[in-house]
N, C-alpha and C. Protein backbone atom coordinates (compact mmCIF):
# COMPACT_ATOMS: atom_id res chain seq x y z
N UNK A 1 -38.11 -11.91 3.83
CA UNK A 1 -37.94 -10.35 2.60
C UNK A 1 -36.65 -11.27 1.87
N UNK A 2 -37.15 -11.10 0.80
CA UNK A 2 -35.41 -11.04 -0.33
C UNK A 2 -34.65 -10.16 -0.55
N UNK A 3 -34.06 -10.05 -0.61
CA UNK A 3 -32.74 -9.00 -1.59
C UNK A 3 -33.39 -8.65 -2.32
N UNK A 4 -33.28 -7.25 -3.29
CA UNK A 4 -33.05 -6.77 -4.45
C UNK A 4 -31.84 -7.55 -5.56
N UNK A 5 -32.22 -8.21 -6.58
CA UNK A 5 -30.53 -8.22 -7.38
C UNK A 5 -29.90 -6.90 -7.30
N UNK A 6 -30.56 -5.98 -7.26
CA UNK A 6 -30.06 -4.83 -7.49
C UNK A 6 -29.09 -4.10 -6.62
N UNK A 7 -28.89 -4.50 -5.62
CA UNK A 7 -28.43 -4.19 -4.04
C UNK A 7 -27.48 -3.58 -4.28
N UNK A 8 -27.15 -2.62 -3.83
CA UNK A 8 -25.77 -1.50 -3.94
C UNK A 8 -24.71 -2.49 -2.60
N UNK A 9 -24.59 -3.10 -2.16
CA UNK A 9 -23.92 -3.25 -0.97
C UNK A 9 -22.50 -4.08 -2.18
N UNK A 10 -21.59 -4.11 -1.66
CA UNK A 10 -20.65 -4.37 -1.78
C UNK A 10 -19.78 -5.85 -1.18
N UNK A 11 -19.38 -6.76 -2.08
CA UNK A 11 -18.97 -8.21 -1.29
C UNK A 11 -17.33 -7.82 -0.57
N UNK A 12 -17.47 -8.70 0.71
CA UNK A 12 -16.88 -7.94 1.61
C UNK A 12 -15.76 -8.17 1.20
N UNK A 13 -15.06 -8.96 -0.09
CA UNK A 13 -14.09 -8.82 -0.47
C UNK A 13 -13.71 -7.75 -1.14
N UNK A 14 -14.18 -6.98 -1.65
CA UNK A 14 -13.99 -5.90 -2.94
C UNK A 14 -13.72 -4.56 -2.11
N UNK A 15 -14.23 -4.29 -0.23
CA UNK A 15 -14.66 -3.79 0.51
C UNK A 15 -13.06 -2.95 0.39
N UNK A 16 -12.84 -1.85 0.62
CA UNK A 16 -11.80 -1.27 0.84
C UNK A 16 -11.74 -0.71 2.61
N UNK A 17 -10.51 -1.23 2.81
CA UNK A 17 -10.39 -0.19 4.33
C UNK A 17 -10.12 1.20 4.89
N UNK A 18 -10.61 1.60 5.94
CA UNK A 18 -11.15 3.14 5.67
C UNK A 18 -9.44 3.68 6.17
N UNK A 19 -9.29 5.05 5.53
CA UNK A 19 -7.91 5.76 5.27
C UNK A 19 -7.70 5.94 6.61
N UNK A 20 -7.76 6.23 7.77
CA UNK A 20 -7.42 5.90 9.08
C UNK A 20 -6.78 4.67 9.14
N UNK A 21 -6.62 3.82 8.78
CA UNK A 21 -6.07 2.50 9.13
C UNK A 21 -4.89 2.56 8.13
N UNK A 22 -4.98 3.17 7.10
CA UNK A 22 -3.96 3.63 6.23
C UNK A 22 -2.67 4.15 6.63
N UNK A 23 -3.02 5.58 7.29
CA UNK A 23 -1.73 6.16 8.19
C UNK A 23 -0.55 6.03 8.85
N UNK A 24 -0.95 4.87 9.66
CA UNK A 24 0.44 3.81 10.15
C UNK A 24 1.30 3.37 9.02
N UNK A 25 0.11 2.50 8.27
CA UNK A 25 1.30 2.48 6.94
C UNK A 25 2.19 3.11 6.38
N UNK A 26 1.60 4.82 6.22
CA UNK A 26 2.00 5.66 5.15
C UNK A 26 3.54 6.03 6.42
N UNK A 27 3.04 6.04 7.69
CA UNK A 27 4.28 6.38 8.21
C UNK A 27 5.18 5.79 8.27
N UNK A 28 4.73 4.58 7.88
CA UNK A 28 5.61 3.24 8.42
C UNK A 28 6.73 3.16 7.36
N UNK A 29 6.36 3.39 5.76
CA UNK A 29 6.61 3.46 4.46
C UNK A 29 7.69 4.88 4.41
N UNK A 30 7.23 6.22 5.10
CA UNK A 30 8.15 7.22 4.86
C UNK A 30 8.95 6.69 5.52
N UNK A 31 9.19 6.24 6.76
CA UNK A 31 10.44 6.26 7.88
C UNK A 31 11.06 5.28 7.02
N UNK A 32 10.95 4.09 6.37
CA UNK A 32 11.84 3.40 6.00
C UNK A 32 12.37 3.96 4.54
N UNK A 33 11.83 4.34 3.87
CA UNK A 33 12.05 5.12 2.91
C UNK A 33 13.31 6.50 3.21
N UNK A 34 12.92 7.32 4.05
CA UNK A 34 14.03 7.95 4.89
C UNK A 34 14.99 7.61 5.20
N UNK A 35 14.74 6.22 5.94
CA UNK A 35 16.14 5.49 7.03
C UNK A 35 16.65 5.36 5.23
N UNK A 36 17.01 4.81 4.48
CA UNK A 36 17.35 4.08 3.21
C UNK A 36 18.16 5.46 3.02
N UNK A 37 17.21 6.15 2.97
CA UNK A 37 17.66 7.58 1.99
C UNK A 37 19.04 7.90 2.35
N UNK A 38 18.92 8.25 3.85
CA UNK A 38 19.98 8.71 4.74
C UNK A 38 21.20 7.48 5.10
N UNK A 39 21.33 7.53 4.46
CA UNK A 39 22.85 6.24 4.36
C UNK A 39 22.64 4.42 4.93
N UNK A 40 21.51 3.93 5.33
CA UNK A 40 21.48 2.95 5.73
C UNK A 40 22.57 1.81 4.69
N UNK A 41 22.77 0.88 5.20
CA UNK A 41 23.51 -0.15 4.06
C UNK A 41 22.36 -0.83 2.89
N UNK A 42 22.75 -0.48 1.72
CA UNK A 42 22.12 -1.12 0.75
C UNK A 42 21.99 -2.52 1.06
N UNK A 43 23.36 -2.91 1.56
CA UNK A 43 23.42 -4.36 1.30
C UNK A 43 22.14 -5.32 1.97
N UNK A 44 21.68 -4.93 2.92
CA UNK A 44 20.71 -5.26 3.88
C UNK A 44 19.34 -5.26 4.22
N UNK A 45 18.76 -4.08 2.90
CA UNK A 45 17.84 -3.92 2.92
C UNK A 45 17.13 -4.81 1.59
N UNK A 46 15.45 -4.70 2.12
CA UNK A 46 14.76 -5.59 1.36
C UNK A 46 14.47 -5.09 -0.40
N UNK A 47 14.41 -5.60 -1.23
CA UNK A 47 14.38 -5.11 -2.64
C UNK A 47 13.37 -4.23 -3.13
N UNK A 48 13.97 -3.67 -3.34
CA UNK A 48 12.56 -2.15 -3.95
C UNK A 48 11.40 -2.52 -4.45
N UNK A 49 11.24 -4.17 -5.28
CA UNK A 49 10.07 -4.37 -5.93
C UNK A 49 9.47 -4.60 -4.79
N UNK A 50 10.00 -5.17 -3.26
CA UNK A 50 8.90 -5.70 -2.25
C UNK A 50 8.06 -4.29 -1.44
N UNK A 51 8.83 -2.99 -1.52
CA UNK A 51 8.46 -1.69 -1.29
C UNK A 51 7.41 -1.10 -2.12
N UNK A 52 7.78 -1.81 -3.39
CA UNK A 52 6.85 -0.75 -4.28
C UNK A 52 5.73 -1.76 -4.25
N UNK A 53 5.31 -2.87 -3.60
CA UNK A 53 4.60 -3.87 -3.79
C UNK A 53 3.57 -3.42 -2.44
N UNK A 54 4.36 -2.89 -1.25
CA UNK A 54 3.74 -2.63 0.01
C UNK A 54 3.07 -1.37 -0.38
N UNK A 55 3.98 -0.62 -1.09
CA UNK A 55 2.99 0.92 -1.34
C UNK A 55 2.08 0.69 -2.55
N UNK A 56 2.05 -0.21 -3.33
CA UNK A 56 0.82 -0.65 -4.23
C UNK A 56 -0.58 -0.84 -3.60
N UNK A 57 -0.01 -1.47 -2.55
CA UNK A 57 -1.17 -2.26 -1.56
C UNK A 57 -2.10 -0.97 -0.72
N UNK A 58 -1.33 0.07 -0.56
CA UNK A 58 -2.13 0.78 0.65
C UNK A 58 -3.01 1.70 -0.80
N UNK A 59 -2.62 1.64 -1.85
CA UNK A 59 -3.51 2.27 -2.92
C UNK A 59 -4.64 1.17 -3.21
N UNK A 60 -4.84 -0.35 -3.19
CA UNK A 60 -5.94 -0.79 -3.37
C UNK A 60 -6.24 -1.22 -2.38
N UNK A 61 -6.13 -1.28 -1.25
CA UNK A 61 -6.75 -1.81 -0.29
C UNK A 61 -7.17 -1.00 0.81
N UNK A 62 -6.71 0.23 0.58
CA UNK A 62 -7.75 1.52 1.60
C UNK A 62 -8.24 2.43 0.78
N UNK A 63 -9.28 3.03 1.35
CA UNK A 63 -9.94 4.24 0.81
C UNK A 63 -9.38 5.19 0.96
N UNK A 64 -8.44 5.89 0.61
CA UNK A 64 -7.67 7.55 0.74
C UNK A 64 -7.71 7.51 0.66
N UNK A 65 -7.81 9.02 1.33
CA UNK A 65 -8.42 10.26 0.90
C UNK A 65 -7.24 11.01 0.12
N UNK A 66 -7.93 12.34 -0.27
CA UNK A 66 -7.07 12.95 -1.93
C UNK A 66 -4.88 13.05 -1.12
N UNK A 67 -5.00 13.07 0.09
CA UNK A 67 -3.63 13.76 0.87
C UNK A 67 -2.84 12.67 0.96
N UNK A 68 -3.85 11.60 1.08
CA UNK A 68 -2.97 10.36 1.33
C UNK A 68 -2.55 9.30 0.39
N UNK A 69 -3.61 9.96 -1.03
CA UNK A 69 -3.27 8.96 -2.11
C UNK A 69 -1.59 10.01 -2.87
N UNK A 70 -1.83 11.26 -2.73
CA UNK A 70 -0.52 12.14 -3.06
C UNK A 70 1.06 11.70 -2.42
N UNK A 71 0.35 11.36 -1.03
CA UNK A 71 2.25 10.72 -0.27
C UNK A 71 2.48 9.12 -0.52
N UNK A 72 1.28 8.64 -1.13
CA UNK A 72 1.21 7.35 -2.07
C UNK A 72 2.25 7.59 -3.21
N UNK A 73 1.63 8.30 -3.90
CA UNK A 73 2.51 8.30 -5.49
C UNK A 73 3.83 9.41 -5.09
N UNK A 74 4.01 10.08 -4.22
CA UNK A 74 5.51 10.61 -3.24
C UNK A 74 6.25 10.17 -3.21
N UNK A 75 5.66 8.54 -2.42
CA UNK A 75 6.52 7.20 -1.96
C UNK A 75 7.13 6.57 -3.09
N UNK A 76 5.94 6.52 -4.52
CA UNK A 76 6.66 6.10 -5.32
C UNK A 76 7.38 5.98 -6.30
N UNK A 77 7.23 7.72 -6.29
CA UNK A 77 8.36 8.61 -7.06
C UNK A 77 9.77 8.25 -6.42
N UNK A 78 9.43 8.50 -4.70
CA UNK A 78 10.78 8.82 -4.36
C UNK A 78 11.90 7.05 -4.07
N UNK A 79 10.81 6.15 -4.49
CA UNK A 79 11.35 4.68 -4.45
C UNK A 79 12.02 4.41 -5.49
N UNK A 80 11.58 4.82 -6.39
CA UNK A 80 11.90 4.72 -8.23
C UNK A 80 13.37 5.52 -8.50
N UNK A 81 13.38 7.13 -7.29
CA UNK A 81 14.68 7.17 -7.75
C UNK A 81 15.68 6.68 -7.04
N UNK A 82 15.16 6.47 -6.00
CA UNK A 82 16.05 5.97 -4.59
C UNK A 82 16.93 4.49 -5.57
N UNK A 83 15.79 3.56 -6.27
CA UNK A 83 16.40 2.69 -6.67
C UNK A 83 17.14 3.08 -7.77
N UNK A 84 17.14 3.64 -9.00
CA UNK A 84 17.95 3.82 -9.63
C UNK A 84 19.27 4.65 -9.55
N UNK A 85 19.00 5.23 -8.33
CA UNK A 85 20.64 5.94 -7.35
C UNK A 85 21.27 4.32 -6.90
N UNK A 86 21.03 3.68 -6.28
CA UNK A 86 21.87 2.41 -6.14
C UNK A 86 22.05 1.38 -6.95
N UNK A 87 21.13 1.27 -7.99
CA UNK A 87 21.63 0.60 -9.20
C UNK A 87 22.66 1.29 -9.88
N UNK A 88 22.91 2.72 -9.50
CA UNK A 88 23.87 3.07 -10.75
C UNK A 88 25.03 3.16 -9.83
N UNK A 89 25.12 3.22 -8.48
CA UNK A 89 25.89 3.66 -7.60
C UNK A 89 26.73 1.69 -7.61
N UNK A 90 25.80 0.77 -7.84
CA UNK A 90 26.39 -0.64 -7.22
C UNK A 90 26.62 -0.71 -9.21
N UNK A 91 26.31 -0.14 -9.86
CA UNK A 91 26.99 -0.42 -11.49
C UNK A 91 28.50 0.20 -11.50
N UNK A 92 28.68 1.34 -10.63
CA UNK A 92 30.06 2.15 -10.91
C UNK A 92 30.56 1.24 -9.79
N UNK A 93 30.56 0.73 -8.82
CA UNK A 93 31.50 0.06 -7.86
C UNK A 93 31.96 -0.79 -8.72
N UNK A 94 30.51 -1.93 -9.34
CA UNK A 94 31.51 -3.23 -10.12
C UNK A 94 31.98 -3.01 -11.50
N UNK A 95 31.90 -1.84 -12.12
CA UNK A 95 32.93 -1.41 -12.77
C UNK A 95 34.00 -1.03 -12.51
N UNK A 96 34.93 -0.57 -11.31
CA UNK A 96 35.71 -0.20 -10.77
C UNK A 96 36.09 -1.37 -10.58
N UNK A 97 35.75 -2.69 -9.80
CA UNK A 97 36.30 -3.81 -9.16
C UNK A 97 36.70 -4.94 -10.60
N UNK A 98 35.88 -4.34 -11.92
CA UNK A 98 36.23 -4.98 -12.62
C UNK A 98 37.13 -4.36 -13.47
N UNK A 99 37.64 -3.35 -13.53
CA UNK A 99 39.12 -2.47 -13.96
C UNK A 99 40.50 -2.58 -13.47
N UNK A 100 39.85 -2.88 -11.28
CA UNK A 100 41.29 -3.67 -10.77
C UNK A 100 41.82 -5.16 -11.43
N UNK A 101 40.58 -5.70 -11.41
CA UNK A 101 41.00 -7.35 -11.95
C UNK A 101 41.68 -7.36 -13.27
N UNK A 102 41.47 -6.53 -13.84
CA UNK A 102 41.97 -6.31 -15.03
C UNK A 102 43.25 -5.89 -15.40
N UNK A 103 43.47 -5.25 -14.39
CA UNK A 103 44.75 -4.04 -14.22
C UNK A 103 46.51 -4.89 -13.83
């Protein structure tokens, strides 16, 4: 029996994982971002680009339910705010060190 050319099956490489499997990833990413916010040293953390990639993968690889999509968007916003705050703090610290050297 031949398959129809109009088959509605999606090739395996394009199928998304179920939303249930995304929950563990979401919880992990939420925990990581909250631990960084709570004061863990910025010097020993992975760069924001790594976490942004991990968050983006959730959206691309999983068939998220609306509440999970909202959590992904929230994680992306928090990461952007955190990265900006850490960059600002690093710039301020560098400026203070440069003033001390110049003095």
